[in-house]
N, C-alpha and C. Protein backbone atom coordinates (compact mmCIF):
# COMPACT_ATOMS: atom_id res chain seq x y z
N MET A 1 -64.09 28.18 25.58
CA MET A 1 -63.82 27.31 24.48
C MET A 1 -62.61 27.77 23.70
N LYS A 2 -62.41 29.05 23.65
CA LYS A 2 -61.25 29.56 22.93
C LYS A 2 -59.95 29.15 23.61
N SER A 3 -59.93 29.09 24.91
CA SER A 3 -58.71 28.69 25.60
C SER A 3 -58.35 27.25 25.33
N THR A 4 -59.33 26.38 25.12
CA THR A 4 -59.08 24.99 24.79
C THR A 4 -58.47 24.87 23.40
N VAL A 5 -58.92 25.67 22.47
CA VAL A 5 -58.37 25.63 21.11
C VAL A 5 -56.94 26.14 21.11
N LYS A 6 -56.72 27.22 21.86
CA LYS A 6 -55.35 27.74 21.92
C LYS A 6 -54.41 26.72 22.55
N ASN A 7 -54.85 26.05 23.59
CA ASN A 7 -54.00 25.03 24.23
C ASN A 7 -53.75 23.86 23.28
N SER A 8 -54.75 23.49 22.48
CA SER A 8 -54.57 22.39 21.52
C SER A 8 -53.57 22.79 20.45
N ASN A 9 -53.64 24.02 19.97
CA ASN A 9 -52.70 24.48 18.95
C ASN A 9 -51.27 24.52 19.51
N SER A 10 -51.10 24.97 20.73
CA SER A 10 -49.75 25.01 21.30
C SER A 10 -49.22 23.61 21.55
N VAL A 11 -50.09 22.66 21.91
CA VAL A 11 -49.66 21.27 22.09
C VAL A 11 -49.26 20.69 20.75
N LEU A 12 -50.03 20.97 19.70
CA LEU A 12 -49.69 20.47 18.36
C LEU A 12 -48.38 21.06 17.86
N LYS A 13 -48.19 22.37 18.12
CA LYS A 13 -46.93 23.01 17.72
C LYS A 13 -45.75 22.39 18.46
N THR A 14 -45.91 22.13 19.74
CA THR A 14 -44.85 21.52 20.54
C THR A 14 -44.51 20.13 20.03
N ILE A 15 -45.55 19.36 19.71
CA ILE A 15 -45.32 18.01 19.18
C ILE A 15 -44.62 18.08 17.83
N ALA A 16 -45.04 19.01 16.97
CA ALA A 16 -44.42 19.15 15.65
C ALA A 16 -42.96 19.56 15.76
N VAL A 17 -42.66 20.50 16.66
CA VAL A 17 -41.28 20.94 16.87
C VAL A 17 -40.44 19.80 17.42
N ALA A 18 -40.98 19.05 18.38
CA ALA A 18 -40.26 17.92 18.97
C ALA A 18 -40.00 16.84 17.93
N ALA A 19 -40.99 16.56 17.09
CA ALA A 19 -40.83 15.54 16.06
C ALA A 19 -39.78 15.97 15.04
N THR A 20 -39.82 17.24 14.65
CA THR A 20 -38.82 17.75 13.70
C THR A 20 -37.42 17.68 14.29
N ALA A 21 -37.28 18.06 15.54
CA ALA A 21 -35.98 18.01 16.21
C ALA A 21 -35.49 16.57 16.30
N ALA A 22 -36.40 15.64 16.60
CA ALA A 22 -36.02 14.23 16.71
C ALA A 22 -35.54 13.69 15.37
N VAL A 23 -36.25 14.06 14.30
CA VAL A 23 -35.85 13.59 12.97
C VAL A 23 -34.48 14.17 12.59
N LEU A 24 -34.28 15.47 12.83
CA LEU A 24 -32.99 16.08 12.52
C LEU A 24 -31.87 15.49 13.36
N PHE A 25 -32.14 15.28 14.64
CA PHE A 25 -31.12 14.73 15.53
C PHE A 25 -30.77 13.30 15.13
N ALA A 26 -31.78 12.50 14.84
CA ALA A 26 -31.54 11.10 14.47
C ALA A 26 -30.90 10.99 13.10
N GLY A 27 -31.28 11.84 12.17
CA GLY A 27 -30.74 11.77 10.81
C GLY A 27 -29.31 12.24 10.72
N SER A 28 -28.91 13.18 11.53
CA SER A 28 -27.57 13.74 11.47
C SER A 28 -26.50 12.71 11.82
N PRO A 29 -26.61 11.97 12.93
CA PRO A 29 -25.58 10.97 13.22
C PRO A 29 -25.52 9.85 12.19
N ILE A 30 -26.65 9.50 11.60
CA ILE A 30 -26.63 8.43 10.61
C ILE A 30 -25.83 8.86 9.40
N SER A 31 -26.07 10.06 8.90
CA SER A 31 -25.32 10.50 7.73
C SER A 31 -23.85 10.69 8.08
N SER A 32 -23.57 11.15 9.28
CA SER A 32 -22.18 11.32 9.70
C SER A 32 -21.50 9.96 9.81
N PHE A 33 -22.20 8.97 10.35
CA PHE A 33 -21.66 7.63 10.48
C PHE A 33 -21.40 7.03 9.10
N ALA A 34 -22.29 7.27 8.16
CA ALA A 34 -22.11 6.73 6.82
C ALA A 34 -20.85 7.30 6.19
N ASN A 35 -20.57 8.58 6.36
CA ASN A 35 -19.35 9.15 5.81
C ASN A 35 -18.12 8.55 6.45
N THR A 36 -18.17 8.33 7.76
CA THR A 36 -17.03 7.75 8.45
C THR A 36 -16.76 6.34 7.96
N VAL A 37 -17.81 5.56 7.78
CA VAL A 37 -17.63 4.19 7.32
C VAL A 37 -17.04 4.17 5.92
N SER A 38 -17.52 5.03 5.02
CA SER A 38 -16.98 5.02 3.66
C SER A 38 -15.52 5.44 3.65
N GLU A 39 -15.13 6.39 4.50
CA GLU A 39 -13.72 6.78 4.57
C GLU A 39 -12.88 5.62 5.09
N LYS A 40 -13.38 4.92 6.11
CA LYS A 40 -12.64 3.76 6.63
C LYS A 40 -12.52 2.68 5.58
N ASN A 41 -13.61 2.43 4.84
CA ASN A 41 -13.57 1.42 3.79
C ASN A 41 -12.60 1.81 2.69
N LYS A 42 -12.52 3.08 2.39
CA LYS A 42 -11.60 3.55 1.35
C LYS A 42 -10.17 3.23 1.75
N THR A 43 -9.79 3.48 3.00
CA THR A 43 -8.43 3.20 3.44
C THR A 43 -8.24 1.72 3.71
N ALA A 44 -9.33 1.02 4.11
CA ALA A 44 -9.20 -0.41 4.37
C ALA A 44 -8.95 -1.18 3.07
N ASN A 45 -9.56 -0.74 1.97
CA ASN A 45 -9.36 -1.40 0.69
C ASN A 45 -7.97 -1.12 0.13
N PHE A 46 -7.37 -0.02 0.55
CA PHE A 46 -6.03 0.29 0.09
C PHE A 46 -5.03 -0.33 1.05
N GLY A 47 -4.49 -1.45 0.69
CA GLY A 47 -3.48 -2.09 1.50
C GLY A 47 -2.20 -2.23 0.70
N PRO A 48 -1.14 -1.59 1.14
CA PRO A 48 0.09 -1.67 0.37
C PRO A 48 0.63 -3.08 0.26
N GLU A 49 0.26 -3.95 1.19
CA GLU A 49 0.75 -5.33 1.14
C GLU A 49 0.35 -5.99 -0.18
N SER A 50 -0.89 -5.81 -0.58
CA SER A 50 -1.35 -6.42 -1.83
C SER A 50 -1.03 -5.56 -3.04
N ALA A 51 -0.72 -4.30 -2.84
CA ALA A 51 -0.45 -3.39 -3.94
C ALA A 51 1.01 -3.44 -4.40
N VAL A 52 1.87 -4.09 -3.62
CA VAL A 52 3.30 -4.16 -3.94
C VAL A 52 3.62 -5.52 -4.56
N ASN A 53 4.29 -5.47 -5.71
CA ASN A 53 4.69 -6.69 -6.38
C ASN A 53 6.17 -6.57 -6.74
N VAL A 54 6.98 -7.49 -6.21
CA VAL A 54 8.42 -7.50 -6.52
C VAL A 54 8.75 -8.89 -7.07
N GLN A 55 9.37 -8.91 -8.25
CA GLN A 55 9.72 -10.18 -8.88
C GLN A 55 11.20 -10.18 -9.25
N TYR A 56 11.80 -11.33 -9.08
CA TYR A 56 13.17 -11.55 -9.55
C TYR A 56 13.09 -11.83 -11.05
N ILE A 57 13.80 -11.04 -11.85
CA ILE A 57 13.76 -11.21 -13.31
C ILE A 57 14.84 -12.17 -13.78
N GLY A 58 16.05 -11.99 -13.26
CA GLY A 58 17.14 -12.85 -13.68
C GLY A 58 18.49 -12.23 -13.39
N ALA A 59 19.52 -12.89 -13.90
CA ALA A 59 20.89 -12.42 -13.67
C ALA A 59 21.72 -12.67 -14.91
N ASP A 60 22.75 -11.87 -15.05
CA ASP A 60 23.75 -12.13 -16.07
C ASP A 60 25.12 -12.00 -15.41
N GLU A 61 26.15 -11.85 -16.20
CA GLU A 61 27.50 -11.79 -15.63
C GLU A 61 27.74 -10.54 -14.80
N LYS A 62 26.96 -9.48 -15.01
CA LYS A 62 27.21 -8.21 -14.34
C LYS A 62 26.23 -7.85 -13.24
N MET A 63 24.97 -8.34 -13.33
CA MET A 63 23.97 -7.87 -12.36
C MET A 63 22.82 -8.84 -12.16
N PHE A 64 22.12 -8.61 -11.04
CA PHE A 64 20.86 -9.27 -10.74
C PHE A 64 19.76 -8.24 -11.00
N GLU A 65 18.61 -8.67 -11.52
CA GLU A 65 17.54 -7.73 -11.85
C GLU A 65 16.23 -8.11 -11.15
N PHE A 66 15.54 -7.05 -10.67
CA PHE A 66 14.25 -7.21 -10.01
C PHE A 66 13.26 -6.21 -10.61
N LYS A 67 12.02 -6.61 -10.73
CA LYS A 67 10.94 -5.72 -11.20
C LYS A 67 10.08 -5.36 -9.99
N VAL A 68 9.93 -4.04 -9.75
CA VAL A 68 9.12 -3.55 -8.63
C VAL A 68 7.93 -2.80 -9.20
N GLU A 69 6.73 -3.20 -8.77
CA GLU A 69 5.49 -2.54 -9.18
C GLU A 69 4.69 -2.20 -7.94
N PHE A 70 4.09 -1.02 -7.97
CA PHE A 70 3.29 -0.57 -6.83
C PHE A 70 2.10 0.23 -7.34
N GLU A 71 0.90 -0.20 -6.98
CA GLU A 71 -0.32 0.53 -7.33
C GLU A 71 -0.63 1.49 -6.19
N ASN A 72 -0.62 2.77 -6.50
CA ASN A 72 -0.77 3.83 -5.51
C ASN A 72 -1.93 4.75 -5.96
N PRO A 73 -3.19 4.28 -5.83
CA PRO A 73 -4.32 5.02 -6.40
C PRO A 73 -4.51 6.42 -5.83
N THR A 74 -4.03 6.67 -4.62
CA THR A 74 -4.19 7.99 -4.02
C THR A 74 -3.00 8.90 -4.30
N ALA A 75 -2.02 8.41 -5.05
CA ALA A 75 -0.81 9.17 -5.41
C ALA A 75 -0.11 9.73 -4.18
N GLN A 76 -0.10 8.94 -3.10
CA GLN A 76 0.62 9.36 -1.89
C GLN A 76 2.12 9.25 -2.12
N LYS A 77 2.87 10.06 -1.40
CA LYS A 77 4.33 9.97 -1.46
C LYS A 77 4.76 8.68 -0.76
N PHE A 78 5.64 7.95 -1.41
CA PHE A 78 6.18 6.72 -0.83
C PHE A 78 7.67 6.66 -1.11
N THR A 79 8.35 5.78 -0.39
CA THR A 79 9.79 5.63 -0.54
C THR A 79 10.12 4.21 -0.97
N LEU A 80 10.91 4.09 -2.01
CA LEU A 80 11.44 2.80 -2.43
C LEU A 80 12.80 2.63 -1.77
N ILE A 81 12.97 1.52 -1.06
CA ILE A 81 14.20 1.26 -0.30
C ILE A 81 14.77 -0.09 -0.74
N VAL A 82 16.08 -0.11 -1.00
CA VAL A 82 16.76 -1.36 -1.32
C VAL A 82 17.87 -1.55 -0.30
N LYS A 83 17.88 -2.75 0.32
CA LYS A 83 18.91 -3.07 1.32
C LYS A 83 19.76 -4.23 0.83
N ASN A 84 21.02 -4.22 1.23
CA ASN A 84 21.92 -5.31 0.85
C ASN A 84 21.83 -6.47 1.83
N ASP A 85 22.74 -7.44 1.69
CA ASP A 85 22.74 -8.64 2.52
C ASP A 85 22.81 -8.34 4.02
N GLU A 86 23.55 -7.29 4.38
CA GLU A 86 23.74 -6.93 5.79
C GLU A 86 22.60 -6.06 6.33
N GLY A 87 21.66 -5.68 5.48
CA GLY A 87 20.56 -4.82 5.92
C GLY A 87 20.85 -3.34 5.79
N ASP A 88 21.99 -2.99 5.17
CA ASP A 88 22.33 -1.58 4.95
C ASP A 88 21.53 -1.05 3.76
N VAL A 89 21.04 0.18 3.87
CA VAL A 89 20.29 0.80 2.78
C VAL A 89 21.29 1.21 1.69
N ILE A 90 21.11 0.65 0.50
CA ILE A 90 21.99 1.00 -0.61
C ILE A 90 21.27 1.90 -1.62
N TYR A 91 19.95 2.03 -1.48
CA TYR A 91 19.18 2.92 -2.36
C TYR A 91 17.91 3.32 -1.64
N SER A 92 17.57 4.60 -1.74
CA SER A 92 16.34 5.11 -1.15
C SER A 92 15.92 6.35 -1.93
N LYS A 93 14.70 6.34 -2.45
CA LYS A 93 14.22 7.49 -3.21
C LYS A 93 12.70 7.61 -3.05
N ASP A 94 12.22 8.87 -2.97
CA ASP A 94 10.78 9.13 -2.84
C ASP A 94 10.14 9.25 -4.22
N PHE A 95 8.90 8.73 -4.30
CA PHE A 95 8.10 8.80 -5.51
C PHE A 95 6.66 9.10 -5.11
N SER A 96 5.83 9.44 -6.10
CA SER A 96 4.39 9.59 -5.84
C SER A 96 3.59 9.13 -7.06
N ASP A 97 4.15 8.22 -7.84
CA ASP A 97 3.48 7.70 -9.03
C ASP A 97 2.22 6.93 -8.65
N VAL A 98 1.21 7.01 -9.50
CA VAL A 98 -0.01 6.24 -9.29
C VAL A 98 0.23 4.79 -9.69
N HIS A 99 0.87 4.57 -10.84
CA HIS A 99 1.24 3.23 -11.31
C HIS A 99 2.76 3.18 -11.39
N PHE A 100 3.39 2.77 -10.30
CA PHE A 100 4.85 2.77 -10.21
C PHE A 100 5.38 1.44 -10.75
N SER A 101 6.40 1.52 -11.61
CA SER A 101 7.03 0.33 -12.15
C SER A 101 8.49 0.66 -12.45
N ARG A 102 9.40 -0.09 -11.82
CA ARG A 102 10.83 0.14 -12.03
C ARG A 102 11.55 -1.21 -12.06
N THR A 103 12.66 -1.23 -12.79
CA THR A 103 13.55 -2.38 -12.78
C THR A 103 14.77 -1.99 -11.94
N ILE A 104 15.07 -2.81 -10.95
CA ILE A 104 16.21 -2.57 -10.06
C ILE A 104 17.34 -3.48 -10.51
N HIS A 105 18.51 -2.89 -10.72
CA HIS A 105 19.70 -3.63 -11.12
C HIS A 105 20.68 -3.62 -9.95
N LEU A 106 21.01 -4.79 -9.46
CA LEU A 106 22.00 -4.90 -8.38
C LEU A 106 23.27 -5.49 -8.98
N MET A 107 24.31 -4.69 -8.96
CA MET A 107 25.58 -5.09 -9.58
C MET A 107 26.23 -6.23 -8.80
N ARG A 108 26.78 -7.15 -9.56
CA ARG A 108 27.58 -8.23 -8.96
C ARG A 108 28.98 -7.71 -8.78
N GLU A 109 29.58 -8.06 -7.68
CA GLU A 109 30.94 -7.59 -7.38
C GLU A 109 31.94 -8.65 -7.80
N GLY A 110 32.18 -8.75 -9.08
CA GLY A 110 33.13 -9.74 -9.57
C GLY A 110 32.46 -11.08 -9.80
N THR A 111 33.23 -12.02 -10.30
CA THR A 111 32.67 -13.33 -10.64
C THR A 111 32.45 -14.20 -9.41
N GLU A 112 33.07 -13.85 -8.29
CA GLU A 112 32.90 -14.68 -7.09
C GLU A 112 31.54 -14.47 -6.41
N MET A 113 30.84 -13.41 -6.76
CA MET A 113 29.54 -13.15 -6.13
C MET A 113 28.47 -13.98 -6.81
N GLU A 114 28.15 -15.10 -6.22
CA GLU A 114 27.19 -16.02 -6.81
C GLU A 114 25.87 -16.05 -6.04
N SER A 115 25.77 -15.30 -4.94
CA SER A 115 24.51 -15.28 -4.20
C SER A 115 24.33 -13.91 -3.54
N ILE A 116 23.07 -13.53 -3.39
CA ILE A 116 22.74 -12.27 -2.71
C ILE A 116 21.46 -12.48 -1.89
N ARG A 117 21.27 -11.62 -0.91
CA ARG A 117 20.07 -11.63 -0.07
C ARG A 117 19.55 -10.20 0.08
N PRO A 118 19.03 -9.61 -1.00
CA PRO A 118 18.54 -8.23 -0.91
C PRO A 118 17.13 -8.16 -0.33
N THR A 119 16.80 -6.99 0.18
CA THR A 119 15.45 -6.69 0.63
C THR A 119 15.00 -5.43 -0.10
N ILE A 120 13.83 -5.51 -0.71
CA ILE A 120 13.26 -4.37 -1.41
C ILE A 120 11.98 -4.00 -0.67
N ALA A 121 11.87 -2.71 -0.31
CA ALA A 121 10.75 -2.27 0.53
C ALA A 121 10.10 -1.02 -0.04
N ILE A 122 8.81 -0.90 0.25
CA ILE A 122 8.04 0.32 -0.04
C ILE A 122 7.53 0.83 1.30
N SER A 123 7.84 2.08 1.60
CA SER A 123 7.38 2.71 2.83
C SER A 123 6.41 3.82 2.44
N ILE A 124 5.18 3.74 3.01
CA ILE A 124 4.16 4.75 2.73
C ILE A 124 3.49 5.10 4.05
N GLY A 125 3.69 6.32 4.48
CA GLY A 125 3.18 6.71 5.80
C GLY A 125 3.89 5.93 6.88
N THR A 126 3.13 5.28 7.73
CA THR A 126 3.72 4.48 8.80
C THR A 126 3.80 3.01 8.42
N ARG A 127 3.37 2.67 7.21
CA ARG A 127 3.37 1.28 6.77
C ARG A 127 4.63 0.97 5.97
N LEU A 128 5.14 -0.24 6.16
CA LEU A 128 6.33 -0.69 5.45
C LEU A 128 6.06 -2.09 4.92
N VAL A 129 6.22 -2.26 3.62
CA VAL A 129 6.05 -3.57 2.99
C VAL A 129 7.40 -3.99 2.45
N GLN A 130 7.90 -5.15 2.91
CA GLN A 130 9.23 -5.62 2.51
C GLN A 130 9.12 -6.95 1.79
N ARG A 131 9.98 -7.12 0.81
CA ARG A 131 10.12 -8.39 0.12
C ARG A 131 11.60 -8.75 0.16
N SER A 132 11.91 -9.89 0.76
CA SER A 132 13.30 -10.33 0.87
C SER A 132 13.53 -11.53 -0.04
N PHE A 133 14.72 -11.60 -0.58
CA PHE A 133 15.07 -12.66 -1.51
C PHE A 133 16.40 -13.29 -1.09
N ALA A 134 16.54 -14.55 -1.39
CA ALA A 134 17.81 -15.25 -1.25
C ALA A 134 18.06 -15.91 -2.60
N ILE A 135 19.05 -15.40 -3.32
CA ILE A 135 19.33 -15.89 -4.66
C ILE A 135 20.72 -16.48 -4.67
N GLU A 136 20.79 -17.70 -5.09
CA GLU A 136 22.07 -18.39 -5.19
C GLU A 136 22.26 -18.80 -6.63
N ARG A 137 23.31 -18.34 -7.20
CA ARG A 137 23.59 -18.64 -8.60
C ARG A 137 24.64 -19.73 -8.67
N LYS A 138 24.29 -20.82 -9.36
CA LYS A 138 25.23 -21.93 -9.54
C LYS A 138 25.49 -22.09 -11.03
N VAL A 139 26.73 -22.12 -11.36
CA VAL A 139 27.12 -22.32 -12.75
C VAL A 139 27.77 -23.70 -12.84
N THR A 140 27.26 -24.51 -13.75
CA THR A 140 27.85 -25.83 -13.94
C THR A 140 28.59 -25.85 -15.27
N GLU A 141 29.62 -26.62 -15.32
CA GLU A 141 30.43 -26.72 -16.52
C GLU A 141 30.38 -28.15 -17.01
N ASN A 142 30.01 -28.31 -18.27
CA ASN A 142 30.02 -29.63 -18.88
C ASN A 142 31.34 -29.79 -19.61
N LEU A 143 32.04 -30.84 -19.28
CA LEU A 143 33.35 -31.09 -19.86
C LEU A 143 33.29 -32.42 -20.59
N THR A 144 33.67 -32.39 -21.84
CA THR A 144 33.68 -33.61 -22.64
C THR A 144 35.11 -33.89 -23.08
N VAL A 145 35.59 -35.07 -22.81
CA VAL A 145 36.95 -35.46 -23.20
C VAL A 145 36.85 -36.49 -24.32
N THR A 146 37.52 -36.20 -25.38
CA THR A 146 37.56 -37.16 -26.49
C THR A 146 39.02 -37.52 -26.80
N LYS A 147 39.23 -38.72 -27.17
CA LYS A 147 40.57 -39.19 -27.49
C LYS A 147 40.81 -38.98 -28.98
N LEU A 148 41.92 -38.37 -29.29
CA LEU A 148 42.25 -38.13 -30.68
C LEU A 148 43.23 -39.12 -31.20
């Protein structure tokens, strides 16, 4: 009778060890998967496409003005790039601001420059977000002739 009790205890111990191992094995991948999903969601919610805002402010006799805003919650290093009509880089500088906001002034080259086609871009990691503009400035003159 003693041998039957010993065999029952060893069977119970084996079942308990197997159940504990199964719970640990099954629980470990679930928690690991949960961490992976939250990291993916964190980067998926951060899209520079929606975080970049470039607006044309206006022009005067000397320059065209643009407002560039970029929300960078992770404070990653990024590059602000400005290209001219031909696609040549005329300005490039690295920043790491969390709430980036700058006004870009593009000088007019004399009074004959009435239109421009600049591209303003933010490069962060391997991602590049570009905003291109075509601005044509037309000045009209009202002339009134009166007889004296």
